[in-house]
């Protein structure tokens, strides 16, 4: 997650939106959460969607005490 995090820090400002059109397991979304950015991600594979959703939910709860995920 170090590379997506560093890129997010370098090329965006706090509260900006990071777009990940090929989300996979959600690494870029996790980097965005860590860097205080919002994110939008797309994934066509249902298995990866489930995996990413769980990881994102855990990261949001750990950071904010609550999760906000829209399908």
PDB file of N, CA and C in Angstrom:
ATOM      1  N   UNK A   1       0.821  -1.186   0.000  1.00  0.00           N
ATOM      2  CA  UNK A   1       0.000   0.000   0.000  1.00  0.00           C
ATOM      3  C   UNK A   1       0.874   1.263   0.000  1.00  0.00           C
ATOM      4  N   UNK A   2       2.146   1.137   0.172  1.00  0.00           N
ATOM      5  CA  UNK A   2       3.019   2.308   0.274  1.00  0.00           C
ATOM      6  C   UNK A   2       3.017   3.157  -1.000  1.00  0.00           C
ATOM      7  N   UNK A   3       3.102   2.547  -2.175  1.00  0.00           N
ATOM      8  CA  UNK A   3       3.135   3.324  -3.418  1.00  0.00           C
ATOM      9  C   UNK A   3       1.823   4.078  -3.660  1.00  0.00           C
ATOM     10  N   UNK A   4       0.653   3.432  -3.583  1.00  0.00           N
ATOM     11  CA  UNK A   4      -0.589   4.198  -3.754  1.00  0.00           C
ATOM     12  C   UNK A   4      -0.739   5.313  -2.714  1.00  0.00           C
ATOM     13  N   UNK A   5      -0.293   5.058  -1.496  1.00  0.00           N
ATOM     14  CA  UNK A   5      -0.370   6.085  -0.449  1.00  0.00           C
ATOM     15  C   UNK A   5       0.519   7.282  -0.800  1.00  0.00           C
ATOM     16  N   UNK A   6       1.740   7.019  -1.212  1.00  0.00           N
ATOM     17  CA  UNK A   6       2.657   8.116  -1.560  1.00  0.00           C
ATOM     18  C   UNK A   6       2.141   8.918  -2.751  1.00  0.00           C
ATOM     19  N   UNK A   7       1.611   8.234  -3.753  1.00  0.00           N
ATOM     20  CA  UNK A   7       1.049   8.934  -4.919  1.00  0.00           C
ATOM     21  C   UNK A   7      -0.158   9.783  -4.517  1.00  0.00           C
ATOM     22  N   UNK A   8      -0.998   9.236  -3.654  1.00  0.00           N
ATOM     23  CA  UNK A   8      -2.162   9.979  -3.174  1.00  0.00           C
ATOM     24  C   UNK A   8      -1.726  11.228  -2.420  1.00  0.00           C
ATOM     25  N   UNK A   9      -0.728  11.094  -1.583  1.00  0.00           N
ATOM     26  CA  UNK A   9      -0.211  12.234  -0.823  1.00  0.00           C
ATOM     27  C   UNK A   9       0.392  13.297  -1.751  1.00  0.00           C
ATOM     28  N   UNK A  10       1.111  12.865  -2.768  1.00  0.00           N
ATOM     29  CA  UNK A  10       1.792  13.799  -3.668  1.00  0.00           C
ATOM     30  C   UNK A  10       0.855  14.540  -4.623  1.00  0.00           C
ATOM     31  N   UNK A  11      -0.169  13.847  -5.120  1.00  0.00           N
ATOM     32  CA  UNK A  11      -0.961  14.401  -6.213  1.00  0.00           C
ATOM     33  C   UNK A  11      -2.368  14.843  -5.849  1.00  0.00           C
ATOM     34  N   UNK A  12      -2.755  14.731  -4.584  1.00  0.00           N
ATOM     35  CA  UNK A  12      -4.079  15.181  -4.164  1.00  0.00           C
ATOM     36  C   UNK A  12      -3.977  15.948  -2.858  1.00  0.00           C
ATOM     37  N   UNK A  13      -5.037  16.708  -2.586  1.00  0.00           N
ATOM     38  CA  UNK A  13      -5.144  17.437  -1.324  1.00  0.00           C
ATOM     39  C   UNK A  13      -6.143  16.725  -0.419  1.00  0.00           C
ATOM     40  N   UNK A  14      -6.062  17.005   0.869  1.00  0.00           N
ATOM     41  CA  UNK A  14      -6.985  16.422   1.836  1.00  0.00           C
ATOM     42  C   UNK A  14      -8.430  16.679   1.402  1.00  0.00           C
ATOM     43  N   UNK A  15      -9.268  15.666   1.545  1.00  0.00           N
ATOM     44  CA  UNK A  15     -10.696  15.689   1.193  1.00  0.00           C
ATOM     45  C   UNK A  15     -10.976  15.669  -0.309  1.00  0.00           C
ATOM     46  N   UNK A  16      -9.968  15.580  -1.159  1.00  0.00           N
ATOM     47  CA  UNK A  16     -10.238  15.403  -2.582  1.00  0.00           C
ATOM     48  C   UNK A  16     -10.654  13.950  -2.833  1.00  0.00           C
ATOM     49  N   UNK A  17     -11.140  13.689  -4.039  1.00  0.00           N
ATOM     50  CA  UNK A  17     -11.624  12.357  -4.397  1.00  0.00           C
ATOM     51  C   UNK A  17     -10.580  11.634  -5.244  1.00  0.00           C
ATOM     52  N   UNK A  18     -10.302  10.396  -4.876  1.00  0.00           N
ATOM     53  CA  UNK A  18      -9.400   9.518  -5.624  1.00  0.00           C
ATOM     54  C   UNK A  18     -10.271   8.517  -6.381  1.00  0.00           C
ATOM     55  N   UNK A  19     -10.066   8.393  -7.683  1.00  0.00           N
ATOM     56  CA  UNK A  19     -10.822   7.454  -8.510  1.00  0.00           C
ATOM     57  C   UNK A  19      -9.966   6.232  -8.809  1.00  0.00           C
ATOM     58  N   UNK A  20     -10.534   5.054  -8.565  1.00  0.00           N
ATOM     59  CA  UNK A  20      -9.866   3.796  -8.904  1.00  0.00           C
ATOM     60  C   UNK A  20     -10.820   2.981  -9.773  1.00  0.00           C
ATOM     61  N   UNK A  21     -10.689   3.058 -11.105  1.00  0.00           N
ATOM     62  CA  UNK A  21     -11.628   2.381 -11.986  1.00  0.00           C
ATOM     63  C   UNK A  21     -11.430   0.862 -12.073  1.00  0.00           C
ATOM     64  N   UNK A  22     -10.349   0.356 -11.534  1.00  0.00           N
ATOM     65  CA  UNK A  22     -10.084  -1.085 -11.520  1.00  0.00           C
ATOM     66  C   UNK A  22      -9.688  -1.455 -10.099  1.00  0.00           C
ATOM     67  N   UNK A  23     -10.631  -1.480  -9.194  1.00  0.00           N
ATOM     68  CA  UNK A  23     -10.387  -1.490  -7.762  1.00  0.00           C
ATOM     69  C   UNK A  23      -9.708  -2.742  -7.223  1.00  0.00           C
ATOM     70  N   UNK A  24      -9.990  -3.876  -7.795  1.00  0.00           N
ATOM     71  CA  UNK A  24      -9.363  -5.104  -7.287  1.00  0.00           C
ATOM     72  C   UNK A  24      -9.656  -5.306  -5.815  1.00  0.00           C
ATOM     73  N   UNK A  25      -8.627  -5.502  -5.017  1.00  0.00           N
ATOM     74  CA  UNK A  25      -8.816  -5.787  -3.588  1.00  0.00           C
ATOM     75  C   UNK A  25      -8.934  -4.528  -2.733  1.00  0.00           C
ATOM     76  N   UNK A  26      -8.866  -3.344  -3.337  1.00  0.00           N
ATOM     77  CA  UNK A  26      -9.119  -2.110  -2.602  1.00  0.00           C
ATOM     78  C   UNK A  26      -7.911  -1.391  -2.039  1.00  0.00           C
ATOM     79  N   UNK A  27      -6.725  -1.713  -2.518  1.00  0.00           N
ATOM     80  CA  UNK A  27      -5.502  -1.103  -1.974  1.00  0.00           C
ATOM     81  C   UNK A  27      -5.512   0.423  -2.126  1.00  0.00           C
ATOM     82  N   UNK A  28      -5.918   0.929  -3.285  1.00  0.00           N
ATOM     83  CA  UNK A  28      -5.933   2.378  -3.486  1.00  0.00           C
ATOM     84  C   UNK A  28      -6.959   3.042  -2.572  1.00  0.00           C
ATOM     85  N   UNK A  29      -8.085   2.399  -2.358  1.00  0.00           N
ATOM     86  CA  UNK A  29      -9.091   2.933  -1.429  1.00  0.00           C
ATOM     87  C   UNK A  29      -8.535   2.995  -0.011  1.00  0.00           C
ATOM     88  N   UNK A  30      -7.810   1.968   0.397  1.00  0.00           N
ATOM     89  CA  UNK A  30      -7.202   1.967   1.732  1.00  0.00           C
ATOM     90  C   UNK A  30      -6.181   3.092   1.861  1.00  0.00           C
ATOM     91  N   UNK A  31      -5.414   3.319   0.808  1.00  0.00           N
ATOM     92  CA  UNK A  31      -4.446   4.421   0.817  1.00  0.00           C
ATOM     93  C   UNK A  31      -5.169   5.760   0.908  1.00  0.00           C
ATOM     94  N   UNK A  32      -6.283   5.897   0.202  1.00  0.00           N
ATOM     95  CA  UNK A  32      -7.061   7.137   0.248  1.00  0.00           C
ATOM     96  C   UNK A  32      -7.606   7.384   1.654  1.00  0.00           C
ATOM     97  N   UNK A  33      -8.105   6.357   2.294  1.00  0.00           N
ATOM     98  CA  UNK A  33      -8.608   6.488   3.668  1.00  0.00           C
ATOM     99  C   UNK A  33      -7.486   6.931   4.590  1.00  0.00           C
ATOM    100  N   UNK A  34      -6.346   6.287   4.471  1.00  0.00           N
ATOM    101  CA  UNK A  34      -5.192   6.619   5.311  1.00  0.00           C
ATOM    102  C   UNK A  34      -4.743   8.067   5.093  1.00  0.00           C
ATOM    103  N   UNK A  35      -4.856   8.567   3.862  1.00  0.00           N
ATOM    104  CA  UNK A  35      -4.404   9.913   3.511  1.00  0.00           C
ATOM    105  C   UNK A  35      -5.504  10.973   3.667  1.00  0.00           C
ATOM    106  N   UNK A  36      -6.633  10.604   4.267  1.00  0.00           N
ATOM    107  CA  UNK A  36      -7.761  11.530   4.462  1.00  0.00           C
ATOM    108  C   UNK A  36      -8.335  12.041   3.145  1.00  0.00           C
ATOM    109  N   UNK A  37      -8.449  11.132   2.189  1.00  0.00           N
ATOM    110  CA  UNK A  37      -9.084  11.445   0.913  1.00  0.00           C
ATOM    111  C   UNK A  37     -10.353  10.615   0.790  1.00  0.00           C
ATOM    112  N   UNK A  38     -11.302  11.124   0.013  1.00  0.00           N
ATOM    113  CA  UNK A  38     -12.478  10.337  -0.332  1.00  0.00           C
ATOM    114  C   UNK A  38     -12.122   9.520  -1.570  1.00  0.00           C
ATOM    115  N   UNK A  39     -12.903   8.514  -1.881  1.00  0.00           N
ATOM    116  CA  UNK A  39     -12.571   7.686  -3.042  1.00  0.00           C
ATOM    117  C   UNK A  39     -13.820   7.129  -3.691  1.00  0.00           C
ATOM    118  N   UNK A  40     -13.682   6.817  -4.959  1.00  0.00           N
ATOM    119  CA  UNK A  40     -14.694   6.112  -5.730  1.00  0.00           C
ATOM    120  C   UNK A  40     -13.961   4.983  -6.423  1.00  0.00           C
ATOM    121  N   UNK A  41     -14.493   3.778  -6.297  1.00  0.00           N
ATOM    122  CA  UNK A  41     -13.864   2.631  -6.931  1.00  0.00           C
ATOM    123  C   UNK A  41     -14.876   1.787  -7.675  1.00  0.00           C
ATOM    124  N   UNK A  42     -14.444   1.199  -8.768  1.00  0.00           N
ATOM    125  CA  UNK A  42     -15.278   0.315  -9.579  1.00  0.00           C
ATOM    126  C   UNK A  42     -14.574  -1.025  -9.715  1.00  0.00           C
ATOM    127  N   UNK A  43     -15.354  -2.093  -9.641  1.00  0.00           N
ATOM    128  CA  UNK A  43     -14.812  -3.436  -9.851  1.00  0.00           C
ATOM    129  C   UNK A  43     -15.915  -4.311 -10.416  1.00  0.00           C
ATOM    130  N   UNK A  44     -15.633  -5.042 -11.485  1.00  0.00           N
ATOM    131  CA  UNK A  44     -16.647  -5.878 -12.129  1.00  0.00           C
ATOM    132  C   UNK A  44     -16.711  -7.292 -11.558  1.00  0.00           C
ATOM    133  N   UNK A  45     -15.671  -7.743 -10.897  1.00  0.00           N
ATOM    134  CA  UNK A  45     -15.640  -9.097 -10.344  1.00  0.00           C
ATOM    135  C   UNK A  45     -16.277  -9.103  -8.951  1.00  0.00           C
ATOM    136  N   UNK A  46     -17.391  -9.824  -8.773  1.00  0.00           N
ATOM    137  CA  UNK A  46     -18.077  -9.831  -7.477  1.00  0.00           C
ATOM    138  C   UNK A  46     -17.198 -10.301  -6.315  1.00  0.00           C
ATOM    139  N   UNK A  47     -16.302 -11.232  -6.563  1.00  0.00           N
ATOM    140  CA  UNK A  47     -15.426 -11.719  -5.489  1.00  0.00           C
ATOM    141  C   UNK A  47     -14.500 -10.609  -4.999  1.00  0.00           C
ATOM    142  N   UNK A  48     -13.942  -9.843  -5.929  1.00  0.00           N
ATOM    143  CA  UNK A  48     -13.085  -8.720  -5.538  1.00  0.00           C
ATOM    144  C   UNK A  48     -13.896  -7.615  -4.865  1.00  0.00           C
ATOM    145  N   UNK A  49     -15.133  -7.403  -5.324  1.00  0.00           N
ATOM    146  CA  UNK A  49     -16.000  -6.405  -4.676  1.00  0.00           C
ATOM    147  C   UNK A  49     -16.214  -6.756  -3.214  1.00  0.00           C
ATOM    148  N   UNK A  50     -16.502  -8.011  -2.947  1.00  0.00           N
ATOM    149  CA  UNK A  50     -16.718  -8.460  -1.575  1.00  0.00           C
ATOM    150  C   UNK A  50     -15.454  -8.296  -0.747  1.00  0.00           C
ATOM    151  N   UNK A  51     -14.325  -8.690  -1.299  1.00  0.00           N
ATOM    152  CA  UNK A  51     -13.047  -8.549  -0.599  1.00  0.00           C
ATOM    153  C   UNK A  51     -12.747  -7.080  -0.297  1.00  0.00           C
ATOM    154  N   UNK A  52     -12.865  -6.226  -1.309  1.00  0.00           N
ATOM    155  CA  UNK A  52     -12.572  -4.797  -1.128  1.00  0.00           C
ATOM    156  C   UNK A  52     -13.531  -4.163  -0.131  1.00  0.00           C
ATOM    157  N   UNK A  53     -14.803  -4.500  -0.217  1.00  0.00           N
ATOM    158  CA  UNK A  53     -15.791  -3.926   0.698  1.00  0.00           C
ATOM    159  C   UNK A  53     -15.453  -4.240   2.151  1.00  0.00           C
ATOM    160  N   UNK A  54     -15.075  -5.476   2.419  1.00  0.00           N
ATOM    161  CA  UNK A  54     -14.699  -5.853   3.784  1.00  0.00           C
ATOM    162  C   UNK A  54     -13.467  -5.103   4.268  1.00  0.00           C
ATOM    163  N   UNK A  55     -12.470  -4.993   3.423  1.00  0.00           N
ATOM    164  CA  UNK A  55     -11.230  -4.295   3.806  1.00  0.00           C
ATOM    165  C   UNK A  55     -11.485  -2.804   4.028  1.00  0.00           C
ATOM    166  N   UNK A  56     -12.297  -2.210   3.153  1.00  0.00           N
ATOM    167  CA  UNK A  56     -12.608  -0.783   3.272  1.00  0.00           C
ATOM    168  C   UNK A  56     -13.421  -0.524   4.536  1.00  0.00           C
ATOM    169  N   UNK A  57     -14.406  -1.371   4.778  1.00  0.00           N
ATOM    170  CA  UNK A  57     -15.232  -1.219   5.987  1.00  0.00           C
ATOM    171  C   UNK A  57     -14.351  -1.273   7.240  1.00  0.00           C
ATOM    172  N   UNK A  58     -13.452  -2.239   7.308  1.00  0.00           N
ATOM    173  CA  UNK A  58     -12.553  -2.358   8.466  1.00  0.00           C
ATOM    174  C   UNK A  58     -11.692  -1.109   8.633  1.00  0.00           C
ATOM    175  N   UNK A  59     -11.156  -0.594   7.532  1.00  0.00           N
ATOM    176  CA  UNK A  59     -10.302   0.599   7.597  1.00  0.00           C
ATOM    177  C   UNK A  59     -11.096   1.822   8.042  1.00  0.00           C
ATOM    178  N   UNK A  60     -12.324   1.966   7.543  1.00  0.00           N
ATOM    179  CA  UNK A  60     -13.144   3.111   7.930  1.00  0.00           C
ATOM    180  C   UNK A  60     -13.545   3.037   9.397  1.00  0.00           C
ATOM    181  N   UNK A  61     -13.915   1.862   9.854  1.00  0.00           N
ATOM    182  CA  UNK A  61     -14.288   1.701  11.262  1.00  0.00           C
ATOM    183  C   UNK A  61     -13.084   1.967  12.155  1.00  0.00           C
ATOM    184  N   UNK A  62     -11.921   1.467  11.774  1.00  0.00           N
ATOM    185  CA  UNK A  62     -10.711   1.689  12.568  1.00  0.00           C
ATOM    186  C   UNK A  62     -10.366   3.174  12.639  1.00  0.00           C
ATOM    187  N   UNK A  63     -10.608   3.899  11.550  1.00  0.00           N
ATOM    188  CA  UNK A  63     -10.245   5.318  11.518  1.00  0.00           C
ATOM    189  C   UNK A  63     -11.324   6.214  12.121  1.00  0.00           C
ATOM    190  N   UNK A  64     -12.590   5.944  11.805  1.00  0.00           N
ATOM    191  CA  UNK A  64     -13.682   6.850  12.169  1.00  0.00           C
ATOM    192  C   UNK A  64     -14.669   6.289  13.183  1.00  0.00           C
ATOM    193  N   UNK A  65     -14.589   5.009  13.445  1.00  0.00           N
ATOM    194  CA  UNK A  65     -15.573   4.392  14.322  1.00  0.00           C
ATOM    195  C   UNK A  65     -16.851   3.999  13.602  1.00  0.00           C
ATOM    196  N   UNK A  66     -16.929   4.256  12.286  1.00  0.00           N
ATOM    197  CA  UNK A  66     -18.098   3.881  11.494  1.00  0.00           C
ATOM    198  C   UNK A  66     -17.678   3.715  10.034  1.00  0.00           C
ATOM    199  N   UNK A  67     -18.520   3.039   9.261  1.00  0.00           N
ATOM    200  CA  UNK A  67     -18.219   2.808   7.846  1.00  0.00           C
ATOM    201  C   UNK A  67     -19.330   3.380   6.985  1.00  0.00           C
ATOM    202  N   UNK A  68     -18.956   3.871   5.798  1.00  0.00           N
ATOM    203  CA  UNK A  68     -19.926   4.390   4.838  1.00  0.00           C
ATOM    204  C   UNK A  68     -19.582   3.831   3.467  1.00  0.00           C
ATOM    205  N   UNK A  69     -20.349   2.824   3.029  1.00  0.00           N
ATOM    206  CA  UNK A  69     -20.108   2.179   1.738  1.00  0.00           C
ATOM    207  C   UNK A  69     -21.407   2.182   0.954  1.00  0.00           C
ATOM    208  N   UNK A  70     -21.356   2.652  -0.284  1.00  0.00           N
ATOM    209  CA  UNK A  70     -22.516   2.656  -1.168  1.00  0.00           C
ATOM    210  C   UNK A  70     -22.253   1.704  -2.320  1.00  0.00           C
ATOM    211  N   UNK A  71     -23.263   0.951  -2.689  1.00  0.00           N
ATOM    212  CA  UNK A  71     -23.130   0.014  -3.809  1.00  0.00           C
ATOM    213  C   UNK A  71     -23.618   0.634  -5.084  1.00  0.00           C
TER     214      UNK A  71
END
